[in-house]
Amino acid sequence: QVQLVESGGGLVQAGGSLRLSCVANGNIFSINAMGWYRQAPGKQRELVAAIPSGGSTVYADSVKGRFILSRDNAKNTVCLQMNSLKPEDTAVYYCNVDLVRYSLPNFSIENYWGQGTQVTVSS
């Protein structure tokens, strides 16, 4: 199995910054897409930022210019640097990863979600 470990959430004032990290652990052959989603109370889960397989980083319009996504392939890690935070950024943030897992002699393409980390931005 694969586990995603998230960290970096918390409480911050408007205009402040937070950095979220997600580490994938397990028998991983390779990682394809990695990204972050968020879900506010009463709303659907939405894409925040992601690096898709073979593509460039994509951002939700609401976070462009404020958030920066990065990944460290050697450490199976994706980070989300969140700057100029606004109260409307308040949500539970979830890491999501598409990867190839091995259970020899088999390989499988699988998708995993983190358990979520709370980000609260006060005004």
C-alpha atoms as a PDB file:
ATOM      1  CA  GLN A   1       0.000   0.000   0.000  1.00  0.00           C
ATOM      2  CA  VAL A   2       0.879   3.660  -0.306  1.00  0.00           C
ATOM      3  CA  GLN A   3       0.357   6.376   2.276  1.00  0.00           C
ATOM      4  CA  LEU A   4       0.380  10.135   1.800  1.00  0.00           C
ATOM      5  CA  VAL A   5       1.608  12.144   4.778  1.00  0.00           C
ATOM      6  CA  GLU A   6       0.563  15.797   4.840  1.00  0.00           C
ATOM      7  CA  SER A   7       1.894  18.593   7.010  1.00  0.00           C
ATOM      8  CA  GLY A   8       2.035  22.366   7.256  1.00  0.00           C
ATOM      9  CA  GLY A   9      -1.559  23.375   7.870  1.00  0.00           C
ATOM     10  CA  GLY A  10      -2.553  25.795  10.576  1.00  0.00           C
ATOM     11  CA  LEU A  11      -3.969  29.183  11.471  1.00  0.00           C
ATOM     12  CA  VAL A  12      -2.627  32.333   9.853  1.00  0.00           C
ATOM     13  CA  GLN A  13      -3.715  35.945   9.485  1.00  0.00           C
ATOM     14  CA  ALA A  14      -4.776  37.341   6.144  1.00  0.00           C
ATOM     15  CA  GLY A  15      -1.728  38.277   4.102  1.00  0.00           C
ATOM     16  CA  GLY A  16       0.411  35.626   5.729  1.00  0.00           C
ATOM     17  CA  SER A  17       1.974  32.485   4.305  1.00  0.00           C
ATOM     18  CA  LEU A  18       1.921  28.742   4.854  1.00  0.00           C
ATOM     19  CA  ARG A  19       3.758  25.872   3.214  1.00  0.00           C
ATOM     20  CA  LEU A  20       2.056  22.502   2.804  1.00  0.00           C
ATOM     21  CA  SER A  21       4.043  19.330   2.228  1.00  0.00           C
ATOM     22  CA  CYS A  22       2.958  15.893   1.074  1.00  0.00           C
ATOM     23  CA  VAL A  23       5.194  12.828   1.125  1.00  0.00           C
ATOM     24  CA  ALA A  24       4.257   9.556  -0.569  1.00  0.00           C
ATOM     25  CA  ASN A  25       5.505   6.403   1.149  1.00  0.00           C
ATOM     26  CA  GLY A  26       5.362   2.804  -0.020  1.00  0.00           C
ATOM     27  CA  ASN A  27       6.414   0.486  -2.821  1.00  0.00           C
ATOM     28  CA  ILE A  28       6.306   3.181  -5.472  1.00  0.00           C
ATOM     29  CA  PHE A  29       7.805   2.574  -8.875  1.00  0.00           C
ATOM     30  CA  SER A  30       7.176   6.065 -10.170  1.00  0.00           C
ATOM     31  CA  ILE A  31       4.990   9.076  -9.471  1.00  0.00           C
ATOM     32  CA  ASN A  32       3.059  10.711 -12.249  1.00  0.00           C
ATOM     33  CA  ALA A  33       0.751  13.576 -11.287  1.00  0.00           C
ATOM     34  CA  MET A  34       0.904  15.237  -7.865  1.00  0.00           C
ATOM     35  CA  GLY A  35      -1.254  18.051  -6.591  1.00  0.00           C
ATOM     36  CA  TRP A  36      -3.410  19.701  -3.964  1.00  0.00           C
ATOM     37  CA  TYR A  37      -7.168  20.045  -3.693  1.00  0.00           C
ATOM     38  CA  ARG A  38      -9.265  21.821  -1.088  1.00  0.00           C
ATOM     39  CA  GLN A  39     -12.771  21.635   0.293  1.00  0.00           C
ATOM     40  CA  ALA A  40     -14.502  24.381   2.243  1.00  0.00           C
ATOM     41  CA  PRO A  41     -17.643  23.743   4.327  1.00  0.00           C
ATOM     42  CA  GLY A  42     -20.679  23.295   2.108  1.00  0.00           C
ATOM     43  CA  LYS A  43     -18.629  23.266  -1.075  1.00  0.00           C
ATOM     44  CA  GLN A  44     -17.322  20.665  -3.495  1.00  0.00           C
ATOM     45  CA  ARG A  45     -13.698  19.661  -3.469  1.00  0.00           C
ATOM     46  CA  GLU A  46     -11.779  21.721  -6.004  1.00  0.00           C
ATOM     47  CA  LEU A  47      -8.374  21.685  -7.629  1.00  0.00           C
ATOM     48  CA  VAL A  48      -5.877  24.143  -6.183  1.00  0.00           C
ATOM     49  CA  ALA A  49      -2.722  23.239  -8.092  1.00  0.00           C
ATOM     50  CA  ALA A  50      -1.261  20.154  -9.730  1.00  0.00           C
ATOM     51  CA  ILE A  51       1.606  18.908 -11.865  1.00  0.00           C
ATOM     52  CA  PRO A  52       0.070  16.425 -14.314  1.00  0.00           C
ATOM     53  CA  SER A  53       1.927  13.645 -16.072  1.00  0.00           C
ATOM     54  CA  GLY A  54       4.174  15.128 -18.716  1.00  0.00           C
ATOM     55  CA  GLY A  55       2.707  18.592 -18.310  1.00  0.00           C
ATOM     56  CA  SER A  56       3.226  21.938 -16.665  1.00  0.00           C
ATOM     57  CA  THR A  57       1.843  23.075 -13.345  1.00  0.00           C
ATOM     58  CA  VAL A  58      -1.787  24.151 -13.418  1.00  0.00           C
ATOM     59  CA  TYR A  59      -3.394  26.499 -10.897  1.00  0.00           C
ATOM     60  CA  ALA A  60      -6.908  27.465 -10.030  1.00  0.00           C
ATOM     61  CA  ASP A  61      -7.625  31.012 -11.159  1.00  0.00           C
ATOM     62  CA  SER A  62      -8.276  32.041  -7.566  1.00  0.00           C
ATOM     63  CA  VAL A  63      -4.707  31.215  -6.479  1.00  0.00           C
ATOM     64  CA  LYS A  64      -2.653  32.205  -9.519  1.00  0.00           C
ATOM     65  CA  GLY A  65       0.138  34.553  -8.576  1.00  0.00           C
ATOM     66  CA  ARG A  66      -0.154  33.678  -4.886  1.00  0.00           C
ATOM     67  CA  PHE A  67       0.515  29.933  -4.642  1.00  0.00           C
ATOM     68  CA  ILE A  68       3.519  28.016  -5.956  1.00  0.00           C
ATOM     69  CA  LEU A  69       3.615  24.246  -6.436  1.00  0.00           C
ATOM     70  CA  SER A  70       6.854  22.283  -6.456  1.00  0.00           C
ATOM     71  CA  ARG A  71       7.900  18.643  -6.359  1.00  0.00           C
ATOM     72  CA  ASP A  72      10.984  16.733  -5.330  1.00  0.00           C
ATOM     73  CA  ASN A  73      11.048  13.505  -7.299  1.00  0.00           C
ATOM     74  CA  ALA A  74      13.892  12.012  -5.276  1.00  0.00           C
ATOM     75  CA  LYS A  75      11.868  12.389  -2.072  1.00  0.00           C
ATOM     76  CA  ASN A  76       8.419  11.660  -3.547  1.00  0.00           C
ATOM     77  CA  THR A  77       7.300  14.997  -2.187  1.00  0.00           C
ATOM     78  CA  VAL A  78       5.082  17.806  -3.407  1.00  0.00           C
ATOM     79  CA  CYS A  79       4.860  21.175  -1.668  1.00  0.00           C
ATOM     80  CA  LEU A  80       2.446  24.061  -1.942  1.00  0.00           C
ATOM     81  CA  GLN A  81       3.778  27.479  -0.959  1.00  0.00           C
ATOM     82  CA  MET A  82       0.794  29.685  -0.155  1.00  0.00           C
ATOM     83  CA  ASN A  83       1.387  33.430  -0.009  1.00  0.00           C
ATOM     84  CA  SER A  84      -0.892  36.428   0.477  1.00  0.00           C
ATOM     85  CA  LEU A  85      -3.501  34.198   2.048  1.00  0.00           C
ATOM     86  CA  LYS A  86      -7.113  35.324   2.134  1.00  0.00           C
ATOM     87  CA  PRO A  87     -10.002  34.249   4.373  1.00  0.00           C
ATOM     88  CA  GLU A  88     -11.597  32.558   1.357  1.00  0.00           C
ATOM     89  CA  ASP A  89      -8.610  30.204   1.238  1.00  0.00           C
ATOM     90  CA  THR A  90      -9.866  28.611   4.451  1.00  0.00           C
ATOM     91  CA  ALA A  91     -10.507  24.927   3.762  1.00  0.00           C
ATOM     92  CA  VAL A  92      -9.277  21.412   4.320  1.00  0.00           C
ATOM     93  CA  TYR A  93      -6.453  20.796   1.871  1.00  0.00           C
ATOM     94  CA  TYR A  94      -5.912  17.326   0.413  1.00  0.00           C
ATOM     95  CA  CYS A  95      -2.878  15.942  -1.340  1.00  0.00           C
ATOM     96  CA  ASN A  96      -3.544  13.737  -4.364  1.00  0.00           C
ATOM     97  CA  VAL A  97      -1.076  11.524  -6.228  1.00  0.00           C
ATOM     98  CA  ASP A  98      -1.219   9.359  -9.336  1.00  0.00           C
ATOM     99  CA  LEU A  99       1.502   6.737  -9.220  1.00  0.00           C
ATOM    100  CA  VAL A 100       2.701   3.346 -10.380  1.00  0.00           C
ATOM    101  CA  ARG A 101       2.859   0.867  -7.524  1.00  0.00           C
ATOM    102  CA  TYR A 102       4.662  -2.424  -7.776  1.00  0.00           C
ATOM    103  CA  SER A 103       3.761  -5.753  -6.266  1.00  0.00           C
ATOM    104  CA  LEU A 104       6.101  -7.934  -8.265  1.00  0.00           C
ATOM    105  CA  PRO A 105       5.641  -9.234 -10.846  1.00  0.00           C
ATOM    106  CA  ASN A 106       2.782  -6.757 -11.210  1.00  0.00           C
ATOM    107  CA  PHE A 107       2.662  -3.011 -11.690  1.00  0.00           C
ATOM    108  CA  SER A 108      -0.473  -0.943 -11.331  1.00  0.00           C
ATOM    109  CA  ILE A 109      -1.520   2.660 -11.844  1.00  0.00           C
ATOM    110  CA  GLU A 110      -3.246   3.946  -8.719  1.00  0.00           C
ATOM    111  CA  ASN A 111      -4.551   7.150  -7.184  1.00  0.00           C
ATOM    112  CA  TYR A 112      -4.249   8.149  -3.524  1.00  0.00           C
ATOM    113  CA  TRP A 113      -5.618  10.884  -1.295  1.00  0.00           C
ATOM    114  CA  GLY A 114      -4.135  12.305   1.856  1.00  0.00           C
ATOM    115  CA  GLN A 115      -6.263  12.578   4.975  1.00  0.00           C
ATOM    116  CA  GLY A 116      -6.452  16.369   4.746  1.00  0.00           C
ATOM    117  CA  THR A 117      -4.905  19.252   6.647  1.00  0.00           C
ATOM    118  CA  GLN A 118      -6.831  22.280   7.890  1.00  0.00           C
ATOM    119  CA  VAL A 119      -5.876  25.759   6.713  1.00  0.00           C
ATOM    120  CA  THR A 120      -7.628  28.646   8.445  1.00  0.00           C
ATOM    121  CA  VAL A 121      -7.064  32.267   7.450  1.00  0.00           C
ATOM    122  CA  SER A 122      -8.358  34.954   9.794  1.00  0.00           C
ATOM    123  CA  SER A 123      -9.237  38.490   8.756  1.00  0.00           C
END
